[in-house]
């Protein structure tokens, strides 16, 4: 999903996880009747990861809401 491996899923949630030499990251997508939420969790395993995430964070904060809006607006898949 979006290039991330699926670590776990059930009918209401999907957890994506990825590891690198610098950091570990998880995305938890929860779908409820009235809301869709995405939680991002990043754990730095090396000091060099912090400035890289700081540089990527503005793009992450712009992209995630747009992706969620598109998902809500998309017709259900068959």
PDB file of N, CA and C in Angstrom:
ATOM      1  N   UNK A   1       0.859  -1.168   0.000  1.00  0.00           N
ATOM      2  CA  UNK A   1       0.000   0.000   0.000  1.00  0.00           C
ATOM      3  C   UNK A   1       0.904   1.230   0.000  1.00  0.00           C
ATOM      4  N   UNK A   2       0.831   2.024  -1.030  1.00  0.00           N
ATOM      5  CA  UNK A   2       1.679   3.201  -1.187  1.00  0.00           C
ATOM      6  C   UNK A   2       3.161   2.868  -1.051  1.00  0.00           C
ATOM      7  N   UNK A   3       3.534   1.628  -1.388  1.00  0.00           N
ATOM      8  CA  UNK A   3       4.922   1.218  -1.292  1.00  0.00           C
ATOM      9  C   UNK A   3       5.335   0.728   0.087  1.00  0.00           C
ATOM     10  N   UNK A   4       4.399   0.736   1.041  1.00  0.00           N
ATOM     11  CA  UNK A   4       4.698   0.282   2.407  1.00  0.00           C
ATOM     12  C   UNK A   4       4.201  -1.147   2.574  1.00  0.00           C
ATOM     13  N   UNK A   5       4.970  -2.009   3.235  1.00  0.00           N
ATOM     14  CA  UNK A   5       4.471  -3.353   3.524  1.00  0.00           C
ATOM     15  C   UNK A   5       3.368  -3.316   4.582  1.00  0.00           C
ATOM     16  N   UNK A   6       2.362  -4.150   4.403  1.00  0.00           N
ATOM     17  CA  UNK A   6       1.286  -4.256   5.386  1.00  0.00           C
ATOM     18  C   UNK A   6       1.775  -5.152   6.516  1.00  0.00           C
ATOM     19  N   UNK A   7       1.824  -4.598   7.733  1.00  0.00           N
ATOM     20  CA  UNK A   7       2.281  -5.349   8.895  1.00  0.00           C
ATOM     21  C   UNK A   7       1.122  -6.078   9.568  1.00  0.00           C
ATOM     22  N   UNK A   8      -0.075  -5.493   9.515  1.00  0.00           N
ATOM     23  CA  UNK A   8      -1.265  -6.108  10.118  1.00  0.00           C
ATOM     24  C   UNK A   8      -2.490  -5.421   9.540  1.00  0.00           C
ATOM     25  N   UNK A   9      -3.605  -6.150   9.548  1.00  0.00           N
ATOM     26  CA  UNK A   9      -4.854  -5.544   9.097  1.00  0.00           C
ATOM     27  C   UNK A   9      -6.031  -6.285   9.691  1.00  0.00           C
ATOM     28  N   UNK A  10      -7.130  -5.571   9.782  1.00  0.00           N
ATOM     29  CA  UNK A  10      -8.421  -6.142  10.142  1.00  0.00           C
ATOM     30  C   UNK A  10      -9.460  -5.278   9.441  1.00  0.00           C
ATOM     31  N   UNK A  11     -10.748  -5.570   9.564  1.00  0.00           N
ATOM     32  CA  UNK A  11     -11.741  -4.792   8.820  1.00  0.00           C
ATOM     33  C   UNK A  11     -11.767  -3.297   9.135  1.00  0.00           C
ATOM     34  N   UNK A  12     -11.238  -2.887  10.280  1.00  0.00           N
ATOM     35  CA  UNK A  12     -11.302  -1.476  10.670  1.00  0.00           C
ATOM     36  C   UNK A  12      -9.966  -0.754  10.643  1.00  0.00           C
ATOM     37  N   UNK A  13      -8.862  -1.482  10.436  1.00  0.00           N
ATOM     38  CA  UNK A  13      -7.559  -0.823  10.505  1.00  0.00           C
ATOM     39  C   UNK A  13      -6.520  -1.557   9.666  1.00  0.00           C
ATOM     40  N   UNK A  14      -5.543  -0.784   9.217  1.00  0.00           N
ATOM     41  CA  UNK A  14      -4.383  -1.325   8.510  1.00  0.00           C
ATOM     42  C   UNK A  14      -3.156  -0.678   9.129  1.00  0.00           C
ATOM     43  N   UNK A  15      -2.166  -1.509   9.467  1.00  0.00           N
ATOM     44  CA  UNK A  15      -0.898  -0.982  10.000  1.00  0.00           C
ATOM     45  C   UNK A  15       0.189  -1.283   8.987  1.00  0.00           C
ATOM     46  N   UNK A  16       0.837  -0.229   8.527  1.00  0.00           N
ATOM     47  CA  UNK A  16       1.953  -0.330   7.601  1.00  0.00           C
ATOM     48  C   UNK A  16       3.222  -0.078   8.395  1.00  0.00           C
ATOM     49  N   UNK A  17       4.287  -0.791   8.066  1.00  0.00           N
ATOM     50  CA  UNK A  17       5.537  -0.613   8.810  1.00  0.00           C
ATOM     51  C   UNK A  17       6.717  -0.707   7.865  1.00  0.00           C
ATOM     52  N   UNK A  18       7.716   0.104   8.138  1.00  0.00           N
ATOM     53  CA  UNK A  18       8.946   0.083   7.344  1.00  0.00           C
ATOM     54  C   UNK A  18      10.121   0.408   8.255  1.00  0.00           C
ATOM     55  N   UNK A  19      11.226  -0.272   8.014  1.00  0.00           N
ATOM     56  CA  UNK A  19      12.450  -0.039   8.768  1.00  0.00           C
ATOM     57  C   UNK A  19      13.561   0.333   7.802  1.00  0.00           C
ATOM     58  N   UNK A  20      14.463   1.166   8.289  1.00  0.00           N
ATOM     59  CA  UNK A  20      15.654   1.506   7.534  1.00  0.00           C
ATOM     60  C   UNK A  20      16.809   1.550   8.532  1.00  0.00           C
ATOM     61  N   UNK A  21      18.021   1.706   8.063  1.00  0.00           N
ATOM     62  CA  UNK A  21      19.129   1.811   9.008  1.00  0.00           C
ATOM     63  C   UNK A  21      19.027   3.043   9.923  1.00  0.00           C
ATOM     64  N   UNK A  22      18.246   4.049   9.507  1.00  0.00           N
ATOM     65  CA  UNK A  22      18.151   5.287  10.284  1.00  0.00           C
ATOM     66  C   UNK A  22      16.924   5.376  11.169  1.00  0.00           C
ATOM     67  N   UNK A  23      15.832   4.738  10.746  1.00  0.00           N
ATOM     68  CA  UNK A  23      14.596   4.887  11.508  1.00  0.00           C
ATOM     69  C   UNK A  23      13.639   3.747  11.234  1.00  0.00           C
ATOM     70  N   UNK A  24      12.657   3.641  12.120  1.00  0.00           N
ATOM     71  CA  UNK A  24      11.529   2.734  11.937  1.00  0.00           C
ATOM     72  C   UNK A  24      10.280   3.591  11.900  1.00  0.00           C
ATOM     73  N   UNK A  25       9.348   3.239  11.028  1.00  0.00           N
ATOM     74  CA  UNK A  25       8.132   4.043  10.908  1.00  0.00           C
ATOM     75  C   UNK A  25       6.921   3.137  10.781  1.00  0.00           C
ATOM     76  N   UNK A  26       5.807   3.625  11.328  1.00  0.00           N
ATOM     77  CA  UNK A  26       4.530   2.937  11.200  1.00  0.00           C
ATOM     78  C   UNK A  26       3.457   3.939  10.821  1.00  0.00           C
ATOM     79  N   UNK A  27       2.555   3.490   9.969  1.00  0.00           N
ATOM     80  CA  UNK A  27       1.354   4.247   9.645  1.00  0.00           C
ATOM     81  C   UNK A  27       0.174   3.384  10.063  1.00  0.00           C
ATOM     82  N   UNK A  28      -0.708   3.926  10.872  1.00  0.00           N
ATOM     83  CA  UNK A  28      -1.896   3.208  11.303  1.00  0.00           C
ATOM     84  C   UNK A  28      -3.114   3.928  10.744  1.00  0.00           C
ATOM     85  N   UNK A  29      -3.801   3.270   9.840  1.00  0.00           N
ATOM     86  CA  UNK A  29      -4.989   3.823   9.204  1.00  0.00           C
ATOM     87  C   UNK A  29      -6.205   3.139   9.807  1.00  0.00           C
ATOM     88  N   UNK A  30      -7.095   3.941  10.394  1.00  0.00           N
ATOM     89  CA  UNK A  30      -8.316   3.411  10.994  1.00  0.00           C
ATOM     90  C   UNK A  30      -9.513   3.981  10.250  1.00  0.00           C
ATOM     91  N   UNK A  31     -10.450   3.108   9.935  1.00  0.00           N
ATOM     92  CA  UNK A  31     -11.656   3.515   9.219  1.00  0.00           C
ATOM     93  C   UNK A  31     -12.848   3.248  10.127  1.00  0.00           C
ATOM     94  N   UNK A  32     -13.605   4.310  10.369  1.00  0.00           N
ATOM     95  CA  UNK A  32     -14.818   4.216  11.171  1.00  0.00           C
ATOM     96  C   UNK A  32     -15.946   4.848  10.369  1.00  0.00           C
ATOM     97  N   UNK A  33     -17.184   4.593  10.730  1.00  0.00           N
ATOM     98  CA  UNK A  33     -18.289   5.174   9.947  1.00  0.00           C
ATOM     99  C   UNK A  33     -18.218   6.691   9.817  1.00  0.00           C
ATOM    100  N   UNK A  34     -17.763   7.384  10.840  1.00  0.00           N
ATOM    101  CA  UNK A  34     -17.769   8.844  10.790  1.00  0.00           C
ATOM    102  C   UNK A  34     -16.388   9.459  10.576  1.00  0.00           C
ATOM    103  N   UNK A  35     -15.345   8.634  10.498  1.00  0.00           N
ATOM    104  CA  UNK A  35     -14.005   9.227  10.393  1.00  0.00           C
ATOM    105  C   UNK A  35     -12.990   8.234   9.853  1.00  0.00           C
ATOM    106  N   UNK A  36     -11.984   8.796   9.224  1.00  0.00           N
ATOM    107  CA  UNK A  36     -10.787   8.053   8.845  1.00  0.00           C
ATOM    108  C   UNK A  36      -9.629   8.760   9.529  1.00  0.00           C
ATOM    109  N   UNK A  37      -8.795   8.010  10.230  1.00  0.00           N
ATOM    110  CA  UNK A  37      -7.643   8.622  10.883  1.00  0.00           C
ATOM    111  C   UNK A  37      -6.373   7.913  10.446  1.00  0.00           C
ATOM    112  N   UNK A  38      -5.309   8.672  10.377  1.00  0.00           N
ATOM    113  CA  UNK A  38      -3.995   8.118  10.072  1.00  0.00           C
ATOM    114  C   UNK A  38      -3.036   8.633  11.130  1.00  0.00           C
ATOM    115  N   UNK A  39      -2.376   7.714  11.794  1.00  0.00           N
ATOM    116  CA  UNK A  39      -1.378   8.063  12.796  1.00  0.00           C
ATOM    117  C   UNK A  39      -0.019   7.651  12.269  1.00  0.00           C
ATOM    118  N   UNK A  40       0.926   8.564  12.330  1.00  0.00           N
ATOM    119  CA  UNK A  40       2.293   8.288  11.907  1.00  0.00           C
ATOM    120  C   UNK A  40       3.166   8.202  13.141  1.00  0.00           C
ATOM    121  N   UNK A  41       3.946   7.136  13.226  1.00  0.00           N
ATOM    122  CA  UNK A  41       4.871   6.949  14.341  1.00  0.00           C
ATOM    123  C   UNK A  41       6.262   6.723  13.770  1.00  0.00           C
ATOM    124  N   UNK A  42       7.221   7.538  14.199  1.00  0.00           N
ATOM    125  CA  UNK A  42       8.590   7.433  13.706  1.00  0.00           C
ATOM    126  C   UNK A  42       9.522   7.285  14.901  1.00  0.00           C
ATOM    127  N   UNK A  43      10.388   6.276  14.837  1.00  0.00           N
ATOM    128  CA  UNK A  43      11.394   6.057  15.879  1.00  0.00           C
ATOM    129  C   UNK A  43      12.765   6.194  15.235  1.00  0.00           C
ATOM    130  N   UNK A  44      13.544   7.112  15.735  1.00  0.00           N
ATOM    131  CA  UNK A  44      14.889   7.328  15.199  1.00  0.00           C
ATOM    132  C   UNK A  44      15.840   6.302  15.807  1.00  0.00           C
ATOM    133  N   UNK A  45      16.563   5.585  14.967  1.00  0.00           N
ATOM    134  CA  UNK A  45      17.554   4.637  15.455  1.00  0.00           C
ATOM    135  C   UNK A  45      18.971   5.174  15.305  1.00  0.00           C
ATOM    136  N   UNK A  46      19.109   6.259  14.574  1.00  0.00           N
ATOM    137  CA  UNK A  46      20.403   6.940  14.402  1.00  0.00           C
ATOM    138  C   UNK A  46      20.163   8.446  14.461  1.00  0.00           C
ATOM    139  N   UNK A  47      21.150   9.171  14.928  1.00  0.00           N
ATOM    140  CA  UNK A  47      21.031  10.630  15.035  1.00  0.00           C
ATOM    141  C   UNK A  47      20.761  11.299  13.690  1.00  0.00           C
ATOM    142  N   UNK A  48      21.305  10.745  12.633  1.00  0.00           N
ATOM    143  CA  UNK A  48      21.144  11.340  11.299  1.00  0.00           C
ATOM    144  C   UNK A  48      19.690  11.343  10.838  1.00  0.00           C
ATOM    145  N   UNK A  49      18.849  10.517  11.443  1.00  0.00           N
ATOM    146  CA  UNK A  49      17.451  10.437  11.020  1.00  0.00           C
ATOM    147  C   UNK A  49      16.670  11.696  11.366  1.00  0.00           C
ATOM    148  N   UNK A  50      17.003  12.326  12.450  1.00  0.00           N
ATOM    149  CA  UNK A  50      16.218  13.482  12.896  1.00  0.00           C
ATOM    150  C   UNK A  50      16.188  14.605  11.857  1.00  0.00           C
ATOM    151  N   UNK A  51      17.328  15.074  11.355  1.00  0.00           N
ATOM    152  CA  UNK A  51      17.246  16.134  10.339  1.00  0.00           C
ATOM    153  C   UNK A  51      16.580  15.679   9.043  1.00  0.00           C
ATOM    154  N   UNK A  52      16.708  14.410   8.698  1.00  0.00           N
ATOM    155  CA  UNK A  52      16.033  13.920   7.492  1.00  0.00           C
ATOM    156  C   UNK A  52      14.521  13.941   7.667  1.00  0.00           C
ATOM    157  N   UNK A  53      14.041  13.494   8.836  1.00  0.00           N
ATOM    158  CA  UNK A  53      12.597  13.522   9.089  1.00  0.00           C
ATOM    159  C   UNK A  53      12.118  14.964   9.181  1.00  0.00           C
ATOM    160  N   UNK A  54      12.902  15.833   9.798  1.00  0.00           N
ATOM    161  CA  UNK A  54      12.521  17.248   9.894  1.00  0.00           C
ATOM    162  C   UNK A  54      12.352  17.852   8.498  1.00  0.00           C
ATOM    163  N   UNK A  55      13.168  17.435   7.561  1.00  0.00           N
ATOM    164  CA  UNK A  55      13.055  17.936   6.189  1.00  0.00           C
ATOM    165  C   UNK A  55      11.838  17.338   5.484  1.00  0.00           C
ATOM    166  N   UNK A  56      11.517  16.074   5.769  1.00  0.00           N
ATOM    167  CA  UNK A  56      10.394  15.402   5.112  1.00  0.00           C
ATOM    168  C   UNK A  56       9.048  15.750   5.740  1.00  0.00           C
ATOM    169  N   UNK A  57       9.040  16.178   6.985  1.00  0.00           N
ATOM    170  CA  UNK A  57       7.796  16.400   7.707  1.00  0.00           C
ATOM    171  C   UNK A  57       6.844  17.393   7.042  1.00  0.00           C
ATOM    172  N   UNK A  58       7.299  18.533   6.539  1.00  0.00           N
ATOM    173  CA  UNK A  58       6.349  19.447   5.880  1.00  0.00           C
ATOM    174  C   UNK A  58       5.628  18.792   4.694  1.00  0.00           C
ATOM    175  N   UNK A  59       6.343  18.013   3.908  1.00  0.00           N
ATOM    176  CA  UNK A  59       5.708  17.324   2.787  1.00  0.00           C
ATOM    177  C   UNK A  59       4.721  16.268   3.297  1.00  0.00           C
ATOM    178  N   UNK A  60       5.092  15.564   4.350  1.00  0.00           N
ATOM    179  CA  UNK A  60       4.202  14.571   4.953  1.00  0.00           C
ATOM    180  C   UNK A  60       2.900  15.235   5.420  1.00  0.00           C
ATOM    181  N   UNK A  61       3.020  16.375   6.068  1.00  0.00           N
ATOM    182  CA  UNK A  61       1.836  17.075   6.588  1.00  0.00           C
ATOM    183  C   UNK A  61       0.943  17.631   5.475  1.00  0.00           C
ATOM    184  N   UNK A  62       1.505  17.910   4.327  1.00  0.00           N
ATOM    185  CA  UNK A  62       0.698  18.344   3.180  1.00  0.00           C
ATOM    186  C   UNK A  62       0.065  17.160   2.457  1.00  0.00           C
ATOM    187  N   UNK A  63       0.826  16.101   2.296  1.00  0.00           N
ATOM    188  CA  UNK A  63       0.394  14.970   1.486  1.00  0.00           C
ATOM    189  C   UNK A  63      -0.662  14.115   2.169  1.00  0.00           C
ATOM    190  N   UNK A  64      -0.492  13.820   3.432  1.00  0.00           N
ATOM    191  CA  UNK A  64      -1.410  12.900   4.114  1.00  0.00           C
ATOM    192  C   UNK A  64      -2.854  13.406   4.101  1.00  0.00           C
ATOM    193  N   UNK A  65      -3.139  14.651   4.477  1.00  0.00           N
ATOM    194  CA  UNK A  65      -4.543  15.090   4.406  1.00  0.00           C
ATOM    195  C   UNK A  65      -5.117  15.009   2.995  1.00  0.00           C
ATOM    196  N   UNK A  66      -4.321  15.316   1.985  1.00  0.00           N
ATOM    197  CA  UNK A  66      -4.795  15.223   0.603  1.00  0.00           C
ATOM    198  C   UNK A  66      -5.136  13.781   0.233  1.00  0.00           C
ATOM    199  N   UNK A  67      -4.272  12.846   0.623  1.00  0.00           N
ATOM    200  CA  UNK A  67      -4.546  11.438   0.326  1.00  0.00           C
ATOM    201  C   UNK A  67      -5.815  10.961   1.034  1.00  0.00           C
ATOM    202  N   UNK A  68      -6.006  11.390   2.275  1.00  0.00           N
ATOM    203  CA  UNK A  68      -7.209  10.990   3.017  1.00  0.00           C
ATOM    204  C   UNK A  68      -8.461  11.580   2.390  1.00  0.00           C
ATOM    205  N   UNK A  69      -8.404  12.849   1.958  1.00  0.00           N
ATOM    206  CA  UNK A  69      -9.564  13.451   1.290  1.00  0.00           C
ATOM    207  C   UNK A  69      -9.901  12.720   0.009  1.00  0.00           C
ATOM    208  N   UNK A  70      -8.870  12.352  -0.762  1.00  0.00           N
ATOM    209  CA  UNK A  70      -9.105  11.600  -1.999  1.00  0.00           C
ATOM    210  C   UNK A  70      -9.705  10.227  -1.704  1.00  0.00           C
ATOM    211  N   UNK A  71      -9.255   9.598  -0.644  1.00  0.00           N
ATOM    212  CA  UNK A  71      -9.796   8.280  -0.286  1.00  0.00           C
ATOM    213  C   UNK A  71     -11.267   8.384   0.097  1.00  0.00           C
ATOM    214  N   UNK A  72     -11.625   9.430   0.817  1.00  0.00           N
ATOM    215  CA  UNK A  72     -13.018   9.615   1.224  1.00  0.00           C
ATOM    216  C   UNK A  72     -13.893   9.899   0.006  1.00  0.00           C
ATOM    217  N   UNK A  73     -13.373  10.657  -0.948  1.00  0.00           N
ATOM    218  CA  UNK A  73     -14.165  11.054  -2.125  1.00  0.00           C
ATOM    219  C   UNK A  73     -14.252   9.957  -3.182  1.00  0.00           C
ATOM    220  N   UNK A  74     -13.352   8.988  -3.131  1.00  0.00           N
ATOM    221  CA  UNK A  74     -13.328   7.946  -4.164  1.00  0.00           C
ATOM    222  C   UNK A  74     -14.527   7.022  -4.049  1.00  0.00           C
ATOM    223  N   UNK A  75     -15.051   6.562  -5.193  1.00  0.00           N
ATOM    224  CA  UNK A  75     -16.146   5.601  -5.127  1.00  0.00           C
ATOM    225  C   UNK A  75     -15.654   4.287  -4.538  1.00  0.00           C
ATOM    226  N   UNK A  76     -16.528   3.568  -3.868  1.00  0.00           N
ATOM    227  CA  UNK A  76     -16.102   2.274  -3.290  1.00  0.00           C
ATOM    228  C   UNK A  76     -15.614   1.332  -4.378  1.00  0.00           C
ATOM    229  N   UNK A  77     -14.565   0.584  -4.057  1.00  0.00           N
ATOM    230  CA  UNK A  77     -14.063  -0.391  -5.038  1.00  0.00           C
ATOM    231  C   UNK A  77     -14.910  -1.650  -4.967  1.00  0.00           C
ATOM    232  N   UNK A  78     -14.989  -2.320  -6.094  1.00  0.00           N
ATOM    233  CA  UNK A  78     -15.836  -3.525  -6.126  1.00  0.00           C
ATOM    234  C   UNK A  78     -15.014  -4.784  -5.950  1.00  0.00           C
TER     235      UNK A  78
END
